[in-house]
């Protein structure tokens, strides 16, 4: 049996179908990163704040993705120079929503990063209000001047951020640091003499589980950004699209991830003589953040260097924030996402494969301009929102509520009622001292 060659129209259908399937698959993988964020953050907060952290993660997605559909995507296109084109205007092509959803999971990643920085003391309504504004305006401005508009360049070299190392993670980390600064530290975090107290999270197991889920989802983030499997040449010939370099992206992501953990472990050991497990976990993530802007162009040795440095800077930057700046970044979102994202973005021209840039100096300046523009906008917008919330008394819970925990004060639940104060939360939001069994009965049944 001899197979007839495919016609151009048939090839176009095949290419479109395979590319759509790939984008949707990696989009679902990126969405699953929210499970990783939920576990990572829940593990790093005290047991009395776990339900609050989980709720914030659920609402980040639910509120943020809705707002991004109605407003954010259109605002990004407006800033990018294409006019306000909201996601619900597809021009009759239902598959245009695939591109929207792919962008939405990136936007929600930036949004959820902030929740870890303000854990344990931010009002839920304040966090939701900020998430609304981030999804509607703050993040779309960043994508508007970069991915949508490509406004940033210098000397013929354009700002380069392949998968959001600065646009998503750097922006989210800087936003988290700014919000944490405006809110102030948790009660008991610092003594009167300025010395810091360690407030450990309640579950290292959850934190490490969340780390590994995030690492798994990151393949969707980085490798998935090589979004076109196939392409058609002008002559109708079937070729590889972005998959022409997908192996480099996968290699760089993997090596940087590993070196991030190694770098953080080495830095922690050199600093304290011990290998802190949480530093290793967060260092692995910092290595991933470091490579996210540049995996499509980075050499193999560049992946080792970027990942190692991104992990090694984590304990150093966190210690500086904690002891010098007195900023209480609960889940270390700035050293993991902020400073690591900046580092990797700025290293682009120095670790790129031959031919990726024409001028190392000009490319570095373009990267620097992009970092400064994104950081400046994020700091100003985030500080303004949280300052207004603080001024009207809506940013932070009361000291009494913070002391008893946000699970009870904000949600009327206890994550671990069996190990609580002897009081249990009942369905109407009240409290009872009666022992409650897991089947709903009491001890006297």
Protein backbone atom coordinates (compact mmCIF):
# COMPACT_ATOMS: atom_id res chain seq x y z
CA UNK A 1 0.00 0.00 0.00
CA UNK A 2 1.43 3.34 -1.06
CA UNK A 3 0.53 6.38 1.06
CA UNK A 4 -0.31 9.49 -0.88
CA UNK A 5 1.59 12.62 0.15
CA UNK A 6 -0.39 15.02 2.26
CA UNK A 7 -1.70 18.15 0.61
CA UNK A 8 -0.76 21.56 2.00
CA UNK A 9 -4.20 22.08 3.55
CA UNK A 10 -4.00 18.69 5.27
CA UNK A 11 -0.52 19.49 6.56
CA UNK A 12 -1.77 22.80 7.95
CA UNK A 13 -4.56 20.99 9.78
CA UNK A 14 -2.13 18.43 11.17
CA UNK A 15 0.38 21.07 12.30
CA UNK A 16 -2.33 23.17 13.94
CA UNK A 17 -3.84 20.19 15.76
CA UNK A 18 -0.51 18.91 17.11
CA UNK A 19 0.60 22.38 18.20
CA UNK A 20 -2.72 23.02 19.97
CA UNK A 21 -2.50 19.67 21.73
CA UNK A 22 1.03 20.44 22.91
CA UNK A 23 0.12 23.89 24.21
CA UNK A 24 -2.92 22.59 26.08
CA UNK A 25 -0.91 19.75 27.62
CA UNK A 26 1.80 22.03 28.98
CA UNK A 27 -0.84 24.54 30.10
CA UNK A 28 -2.45 21.89 32.28
CA UNK A 29 1.00 21.03 33.60
CA UNK A 30 1.61 24.67 34.55
CA UNK A 31 -1.80 24.83 36.22
CA UNK A 32 -0.77 21.89 38.41
CA UNK A 33 2.01 24.08 39.78
CA UNK A 34 -0.68 25.68 41.96
CA UNK A 35 -0.78 22.42 43.90
CA UNK A 36 2.95 22.82 44.42
CA UNK A 37 2.62 26.44 45.57
CA UNK A 38 -0.17 25.42 47.96
CA UNK A 39 1.91 22.68 49.56
CA UNK A 40 5.14 24.68 49.63
CA UNK A 41 3.49 27.67 51.30
CA UNK A 42 1.31 25.62 53.64
CA UNK A 43 4.39 23.79 54.86
CA UNK A 44 6.24 27.03 55.60
CA UNK A 45 3.52 28.67 57.70
CA UNK A 46 2.40 27.80 61.22
CA UNK A 47 -0.38 25.25 61.64
CA UNK A 48 -2.83 27.97 62.69
CA UNK A 49 -2.48 29.65 59.26
CA UNK A 50 -2.57 26.67 56.90
CA UNK A 51 -6.22 26.96 55.83
CA UNK A 52 -5.71 30.66 55.15
CA UNK A 53 -2.78 29.94 52.88
CA UNK A 54 -4.67 27.23 51.03
CA UNK A 55 -7.66 29.51 50.59
CA UNK A 56 -5.50 32.26 49.16
CA UNK A 57 -4.07 29.85 46.61
CA UNK A 58 -7.55 28.72 45.57
CA UNK A 59 -8.82 32.28 45.25
CA UNK A 60 -5.69 33.44 43.43
CA UNK A 61 -6.56 31.14 40.59
CA UNK A 62 -10.33 31.63 40.70
CA UNK A 63 -10.37 35.43 40.98
CA UNK A 64 -7.23 36.03 38.94
CA UNK A 65 -8.04 33.92 35.92
CA UNK A 66 -11.54 35.44 35.69
CA UNK A 67 -10.18 38.98 35.86
CA UNK A 68 -7.45 38.16 33.35
CA UNK A 69 -10.12 36.89 30.95
CA UNK A 70 -12.34 39.96 31.26
CA UNK A 71 -9.73 42.70 31.67
CA UNK A 72 -6.08 41.66 31.96
CA UNK A 73 -5.50 40.10 28.55
CA UNK A 74 -7.10 43.10 26.87
CA UNK A 75 -5.06 45.55 28.93
CA UNK A 76 -1.87 43.72 27.93
CA UNK A 77 -2.77 44.03 24.24
CA UNK A 78 -3.62 47.71 24.77
CA UNK A 79 -0.22 48.44 26.31
CA UNK A 80 1.39 46.33 23.60
CA UNK A 81 -0.07 48.58 20.91
CA UNK A 82 -2.84 46.35 19.53
CA UNK A 83 -5.75 48.09 21.20
CA UNK A 84 -7.94 46.74 23.99
CA UNK A 85 -8.80 43.23 22.83
CA UNK A 86 -10.22 41.24 25.76
CA UNK A 87 -10.05 37.47 25.70
CA UNK A 88 -13.78 37.08 25.04
CA UNK A 89 -13.31 38.70 21.60
CA UNK A 90 -11.88 35.85 19.54
CA UNK A 91 -12.92 37.04 16.10
CA UNK A 92 -14.94 33.88 15.63
CA UNK A 93 -12.00 31.52 16.26
CA UNK A 94 -12.71 29.42 19.37
CA UNK A 95 -9.14 28.09 19.40
CA UNK A 96 -7.85 31.59 20.11
CA UNK A 97 -8.75 30.84 23.71
CA UNK A 98 -5.94 28.32 23.84
CA UNK A 99 -3.45 31.18 23.60
CA UNK A 100 -5.37 33.10 26.26
CA UNK A 101 -5.31 30.15 28.65
CA UNK A 102 -1.59 29.63 28.07
CA UNK A 103 -1.01 33.27 29.01
CA UNK A 104 -3.40 33.02 31.95
CA UNK A 105 -1.49 30.26 33.74
CA UNK A 106 1.65 32.40 33.53
CA UNK A 107 -0.24 35.38 34.94
CA UNK A 108 -1.61 33.35 37.84
CA UNK A 109 1.87 32.08 38.66
CA UNK A 110 3.02 35.67 39.14
CA UNK A 111 -0.02 36.38 41.30
CA UNK A 112 0.27 33.40 43.63
CA UNK A 113 3.93 34.11 44.44
CA UNK A 114 2.87 37.14 46.50
CA UNK A 115 0.75 35.09 48.90
CA UNK A 116 3.82 33.43 50.43
CA UNK A 117 5.44 36.75 51.31
CA UNK A 118 2.47 38.17 53.22
CA UNK A 119 1.49 34.96 55.00
CA UNK A 120 0.30 35.04 58.58
CA UNK A 121 -0.88 38.64 58.82
CA UNK A 122 -2.57 39.92 55.64
CA UNK A 123 -6.35 40.17 55.53
CA UNK A 124 -7.90 37.86 52.96
CA UNK A 125 -9.90 40.74 51.45
CA UNK A 126 -6.70 42.75 51.02
CA UNK A 127 -4.92 39.89 49.29
CA UNK A 128 -7.89 39.26 46.97
CA UNK A 129 -8.09 42.97 46.13
CA UNK A 130 -4.40 43.00 45.22
CA UNK A 131 -4.80 39.83 43.15
CA UNK A 132 -7.64 41.52 41.24
CA UNK A 133 -5.47 44.54 40.43
CA UNK A 134 -2.42 42.44 39.61
CA UNK A 135 -4.37 40.32 37.12
CA UNK A 136 -6.19 43.33 35.66
CA UNK A 137 -3.43 45.92 35.40
CA UNK A 138 -0.08 45.35 37.14
CA UNK A 139 1.00 42.13 35.41
CA UNK A 140 -0.55 43.09 32.01
CA UNK A 141 1.55 46.27 31.94
CA UNK A 142 4.67 44.10 32.32
CA UNK A 143 3.67 41.74 29.51
CA UNK A 144 2.49 44.70 27.45
CA UNK A 145 5.92 46.33 27.35
CA UNK A 146 7.72 43.02 26.79
CA UNK A 147 6.03 40.03 25.15
CA UNK A 148 3.14 41.98 23.61
CA UNK A 149 4.85 45.21 22.61
CA UNK A 150 8.57 44.34 22.58
CA UNK A 151 9.38 47.95 23.41
CA UNK A 152 12.63 47.31 25.27
CA UNK A 153 15.88 47.19 23.31
CA UNK A 154 19.29 48.80 23.10
CA UNK A 155 21.73 49.05 20.23
CA UNK A 156 19.80 46.55 18.13
CA UNK A 157 19.56 43.97 20.94
CA UNK A 158 16.05 43.25 22.23
CA UNK A 159 15.18 42.41 25.82
CA UNK A 160 15.12 38.62 26.07
CA UNK A 161 12.89 36.65 28.45
CA UNK A 162 11.96 33.29 27.02
CA UNK A 163 9.59 31.89 29.66
CA UNK A 164 9.16 34.60 32.28
CA UNK A 165 12.23 34.52 34.49
CA UNK A 166 11.83 38.28 35.03
CA UNK A 167 8.40 38.96 33.55
CA UNK A 168 6.66 36.36 35.76
CA UNK A 169 8.96 35.27 38.58
CA UNK A 170 11.07 38.36 39.03
CA UNK A 171 7.93 40.49 38.97
CA UNK A 172 6.16 38.23 41.48
CA UNK A 173 9.14 38.10 43.83
CA UNK A 174 9.58 41.87 43.80
CA UNK A 175 5.85 42.36 44.35
CA UNK A 176 5.97 40.00 47.33
CA UNK A 177 8.95 41.80 48.85
CA UNK A 178 7.21 45.17 48.45
CA UNK A 179 3.96 43.94 49.99
CA UNK A 180 5.81 42.35 52.92
CA UNK A 181 7.67 45.60 53.56
CA UNK A 182 4.47 47.68 53.61
CA UNK A 183 2.69 45.19 55.88
CA UNK A 184 5.54 44.89 58.36
CA UNK A 185 6.79 41.71 60.05
CA UNK A 186 4.70 39.15 61.92
CA UNK A 187 4.28 39.50 65.66
CA UNK A 188 7.27 38.02 67.46
CA UNK A 189 9.49 37.98 64.37
CA UNK A 190 11.85 40.61 65.81
CA UNK A 191 12.90 41.50 69.33
CA UNK A 192 13.16 45.05 70.68
CA UNK A 193 16.90 45.06 69.99
CA UNK A 194 16.24 44.23 66.32
CA UNK A 195 17.44 40.64 66.48
CA UNK A 196 15.37 38.15 64.50
CA UNK A 197 13.48 35.16 65.83
CA UNK A 198 13.00 32.11 63.65
CA UNK A 199 9.35 31.14 63.23
CA UNK A 200 9.48 27.67 61.70
CA UNK A 201 6.82 26.33 59.39
CA UNK A 202 4.66 23.48 60.55
CA UNK A 203 5.55 20.83 57.95
CA UNK A 204 8.85 20.37 56.17
CA UNK A 205 7.29 17.37 54.43
CA UNK A 206 4.64 19.54 52.76
CA UNK A 207 7.27 22.10 51.77
CA UNK A 208 9.45 19.51 50.03
CA UNK A 209 6.44 17.87 48.37
CA UNK A 210 5.41 21.27 47.06
CA UNK A 211 8.92 21.88 45.77
CA UNK A 212 8.94 18.67 43.75
CA UNK A 213 5.46 19.32 42.33
CA UNK A 214 6.61 22.77 41.24
CA UNK A 215 9.76 21.31 39.68
CA UNK A 216 7.62 18.85 37.73
CA UNK A 217 5.28 21.60 36.54
CA UNK A 218 8.26 23.76 35.57
CA UNK A 219 8.89 21.56 32.57
CA UNK A 220 5.57 22.88 31.28
CA UNK A 221 6.69 26.39 32.09
CA UNK A 222 10.04 26.29 30.30
CA UNK A 223 9.86 23.44 27.82
CA UNK A 224 6.22 24.29 27.15
CA UNK A 225 7.16 27.78 26.01
CA UNK A 226 8.70 26.07 22.97
CA UNK A 227 5.07 26.15 21.93
CA UNK A 228 5.22 25.10 18.28
CA UNK A 229 6.08 21.47 17.62
CA UNK A 230 5.81 21.74 13.84
CA UNK A 231 5.80 24.55 11.30
CA UNK A 232 5.25 24.84 7.56
CA UNK A 233 7.84 26.56 5.41
CA UNK A 234 6.83 28.96 2.65
CA UNK A 235 7.31 26.13 0.17
CA UNK A 236 4.88 23.93 2.13
CA UNK A 237 7.58 21.73 3.65
CA UNK A 238 6.94 20.33 7.14
CA UNK A 239 9.65 21.45 9.60
CA UNK A 240 10.23 21.63 13.30
CA UNK A 241 9.03 24.84 14.93
CA UNK A 242 10.37 25.79 18.34
CA UNK A 243 11.11 22.11 18.82
CA UNK A 244 14.25 22.76 16.79
CA UNK A 245 15.87 23.83 20.08
CA UNK A 246 13.58 22.16 22.65
CA UNK A 247 16.37 19.81 23.78
CA UNK A 248 18.48 22.75 24.90
CA UNK A 249 15.55 24.11 26.91
CA UNK A 250 14.96 20.77 28.61
CA UNK A 251 18.64 20.28 29.37
CA UNK A 252 19.14 23.79 30.75
CA UNK A 253 16.04 23.55 32.92
CA UNK A 254 17.16 20.23 34.41
CA UNK A 255 20.78 21.19 35.03
CA UNK A 256 19.91 24.58 36.54
CA UNK A 257 17.37 22.94 38.81
CA UNK A 258 19.94 20.49 40.13
CA UNK A 259 22.64 23.12 40.52
CA UNK A 260 20.24 25.41 42.38
CA UNK A 261 19.81 22.79 45.10
CA UNK A 262 23.55 22.11 45.18
CA UNK A 263 24.44 25.81 45.28
CA UNK A 264 22.02 26.52 48.14
CA UNK A 265 23.24 23.49 50.08
CA UNK A 266 26.87 24.55 49.67
CA UNK A 267 26.17 28.14 50.69
CA UNK A 268 24.17 27.08 53.75
CA UNK A 269 26.88 24.61 54.79
CA UNK A 270 29.61 27.23 54.39
CA UNK A 271 27.55 29.70 56.43
CA UNK A 272 26.38 27.49 59.30
CA UNK A 273 28.17 24.17 59.01
CA UNK A 274 24.82 22.46 58.34
CA UNK A 275 22.77 21.75 55.22
CA UNK A 276 19.35 23.30 55.79
CA UNK A 277 16.66 21.23 54.05
CA UNK A 278 14.42 24.21 53.34
CA UNK A 279 17.32 26.09 51.76
CA UNK A 280 17.98 23.09 49.52
CA UNK A 281 14.32 22.94 48.48
CA UNK A 282 14.06 26.66 47.82
CA UNK A 283 17.48 26.63 46.15
CA UNK A 284 16.22 24.05 43.67
CA UNK A 285 13.40 26.44 42.81
CA UNK A 286 15.78 29.40 42.62
CA UNK A 287 17.86 27.48 40.08
CA UNK A 288 14.74 26.98 37.99
CA UNK A 289 13.82 30.65 38.23
CA UNK A 290 17.37 31.64 37.25
CA UNK A 291 17.25 29.72 33.98
CA UNK A 292 13.64 30.51 33.05
CA UNK A 293 14.42 33.68 31.07
CA UNK A 294 17.17 32.09 28.97
CA UNK A 295 16.93 28.27 28.50
CA UNK A 296 16.51 28.60 24.73
CA UNK A 297 19.94 30.20 24.30
CA UNK A 298 22.06 29.03 27.25
CA UNK A 299 25.06 26.74 26.81
CA UNK A 300 25.36 23.62 28.91
CA UNK A 301 28.05 25.17 31.08
CA UNK A 302 25.92 28.31 31.37
CA UNK A 303 23.11 26.23 32.86
CA UNK A 304 25.54 24.93 35.50
CA UNK A 305 26.72 28.47 36.28
CA UNK A 306 23.32 30.18 36.35
CA UNK A 307 21.69 27.45 38.42
CA UNK A 308 24.56 27.27 40.90
CA UNK A 309 24.69 31.03 41.43
CA UNK A 310 20.91 31.30 41.73
CA UNK A 311 20.93 28.68 44.46
CA UNK A 312 23.98 30.06 46.25
CA UNK A 313 22.56 33.58 46.48
CA UNK A 314 19.43 32.33 48.26
CA UNK A 315 20.76 32.02 51.84
CA UNK A 316 22.80 35.20 51.43
CA UNK A 317 19.91 37.34 50.15
CA UNK A 318 17.45 35.90 52.65
CA UNK A 319 19.81 36.63 55.53
CA UNK A 320 20.32 40.20 54.30
CA UNK A 321 16.57 40.75 54.07
CA UNK A 322 15.96 39.23 57.48
CA UNK A 323 18.76 40.87 59.47
CA UNK A 324 19.53 44.12 57.65
CA UNK A 325 16.30 45.16 55.94
CA UNK A 326 14.03 43.62 58.62
CA UNK A 327 11.58 42.43 55.98
CA UNK A 328 9.57 39.36 56.96
CA UNK A 329 9.29 37.41 53.71
CA UNK A 330 7.71 34.27 55.15
CA UNK A 331 8.24 31.89 52.21
CA UNK A 332 11.43 33.54 50.91
CA UNK A 333 9.69 34.57 47.69
CA UNK A 334 12.16 37.35 46.89
CA UNK A 335 15.39 35.31 47.01
CA UNK A 336 13.66 32.41 45.26
CA UNK A 337 11.78 34.35 42.57
CA UNK A 338 12.95 37.97 42.68
CA UNK A 339 16.73 38.06 42.95
CA UNK A 340 17.14 34.72 41.16
CA UNK A 341 15.01 36.00 38.27
CA UNK A 342 17.06 39.19 38.04
CA UNK A 343 20.33 37.25 38.12
CA UNK A 344 19.38 34.84 35.35
CA UNK A 345 17.97 37.60 33.15
CA UNK A 346 21.12 39.71 33.42
CA UNK A 347 23.37 36.73 32.66
CA UNK A 348 21.73 36.16 29.28
CA UNK A 349 24.48 37.53 26.99
CA UNK A 350 27.33 35.98 28.98
CA UNK A 351 26.14 32.36 28.79
CA UNK A 352 24.41 32.40 25.39
CA UNK A 353 25.39 30.09 22.56
CA UNK A 354 27.41 31.64 19.72
CA UNK A 355 25.28 33.77 17.43
CA UNK A 356 22.51 34.41 19.97
CA UNK A 357 23.63 38.02 20.44
CA UNK A 358 25.60 40.38 18.25
CA UNK A 359 26.91 42.58 21.05
CA UNK A 360 27.32 41.30 24.61
CA UNK A 361 27.49 44.85 25.97
CA UNK A 362 24.35 46.04 24.17
CA UNK A 363 22.47 42.88 25.08
CA UNK A 364 23.38 43.31 28.74
CA UNK A 365 22.18 46.92 28.71
CA UNK A 366 18.89 45.83 27.10
CA UNK A 367 18.46 43.22 29.83
CA UNK A 368 19.27 45.78 32.52
CA UNK A 369 16.74 48.24 31.12
CA UNK A 370 14.10 45.52 31.15
CA UNK A 371 14.87 44.53 34.73
CA UNK A 372 14.78 48.14 35.94
CA UNK A 373 11.53 48.89 34.09
CA UNK A 374 9.75 45.79 35.40
CA UNK A 375 11.07 46.21 38.95
CA UNK A 376 10.29 49.93 39.05
CA UNK A 377 6.71 49.52 37.84
CA UNK A 378 6.08 46.56 40.15
CA UNK A 379 7.41 48.33 43.24
CA UNK A 380 5.46 51.54 42.61
CA UNK A 381 2.16 49.82 41.75
CA UNK A 382 2.38 47.25 44.55
CA UNK A 383 3.42 49.79 47.19
CA UNK A 384 0.56 52.08 46.16
CA UNK A 385 -2.08 49.35 46.47
CA UNK A 386 -0.90 48.03 49.83
CA UNK A 387 -0.30 51.53 51.20
CA UNK A 388 -3.90 52.50 50.42
CA UNK A 389 -5.19 49.29 51.99
CA UNK A 390 -3.04 49.95 55.04
CA UNK A 391 -4.20 53.56 55.29
CA UNK A 392 -7.86 52.51 55.43
CA UNK A 393 -7.14 49.74 57.94
CA UNK A 394 -7.80 46.86 55.56
CA UNK A 395 -4.31 45.47 54.94
CA UNK A 396 -3.55 43.59 58.13
CA UNK A 397 -5.54 41.54 60.61
CA UNK A 398 -5.78 42.69 64.22
CA UNK A 399 -3.10 41.58 66.71
CA UNK A 400 -5.70 39.38 68.42
CA UNK A 401 -6.60 37.63 65.18
CA UNK A 402 -2.97 37.22 64.23
CA UNK A 403 -2.27 35.67 67.63
CA UNK A 404 -5.11 33.15 67.42
CA UNK A 405 -4.34 32.37 63.79
CA UNK A 406 -5.95 33.32 60.50
CA UNK A 407 -7.62 29.92 60.07
CA UNK A 408 -10.06 30.70 62.88
CA UNK A 409 -10.29 34.49 62.52
CA UNK A 410 -10.62 34.61 58.70
CA UNK A 411 -12.25 31.25 57.92
CA UNK A 412 -13.78 29.81 61.10
CA UNK A 413 -11.91 26.53 60.76
CA UNK A 414 -8.95 24.72 62.27
CA UNK A 415 -6.72 22.78 59.94
CA UNK A 416 -5.74 20.38 62.72
CA UNK A 417 -8.66 20.44 65.20
CA UNK A 418 -7.47 17.31 67.00
CA UNK A 419 -4.33 19.14 68.12
CA UNK A 420 -5.89 22.51 68.89
CA UNK A 421 -6.80 24.19 72.16
CA UNK A 422 -9.49 21.68 73.07
CA UNK A 423 -12.11 23.77 71.30
CA UNK A 424 -13.51 22.75 67.95
CA UNK A 425 -15.11 24.89 65.30
CA UNK A 426 -18.71 23.90 64.56
CA UNK A 427 -20.60 24.37 61.34
CA UNK A 428 -22.21 27.68 62.31
CA UNK A 429 -18.84 29.26 63.00
CA UNK A 430 -19.08 28.98 66.79
CA UNK A 431 -16.89 26.99 69.15
CA UNK A 432 -17.52 23.93 71.29
CA UNK A 433 -15.44 22.17 73.93
CA UNK A 434 -17.09 18.84 73.14
CA UNK A 435 -14.79 16.24 71.61
CA UNK A 436 -15.74 15.65 67.99
CA UNK A 437 -15.08 12.34 66.25
CA UNK A 438 -14.06 12.00 62.63
CA UNK A 439 -17.46 10.36 61.86
CA UNK A 440 -19.31 13.40 63.19
CA UNK A 441 -20.31 11.88 66.52
CA UNK A 442 -19.11 12.74 70.01
CA UNK A 443 -17.18 10.68 72.52
CA UNK A 444 -20.37 9.73 74.36
CA UNK A 445 -22.04 8.16 71.31
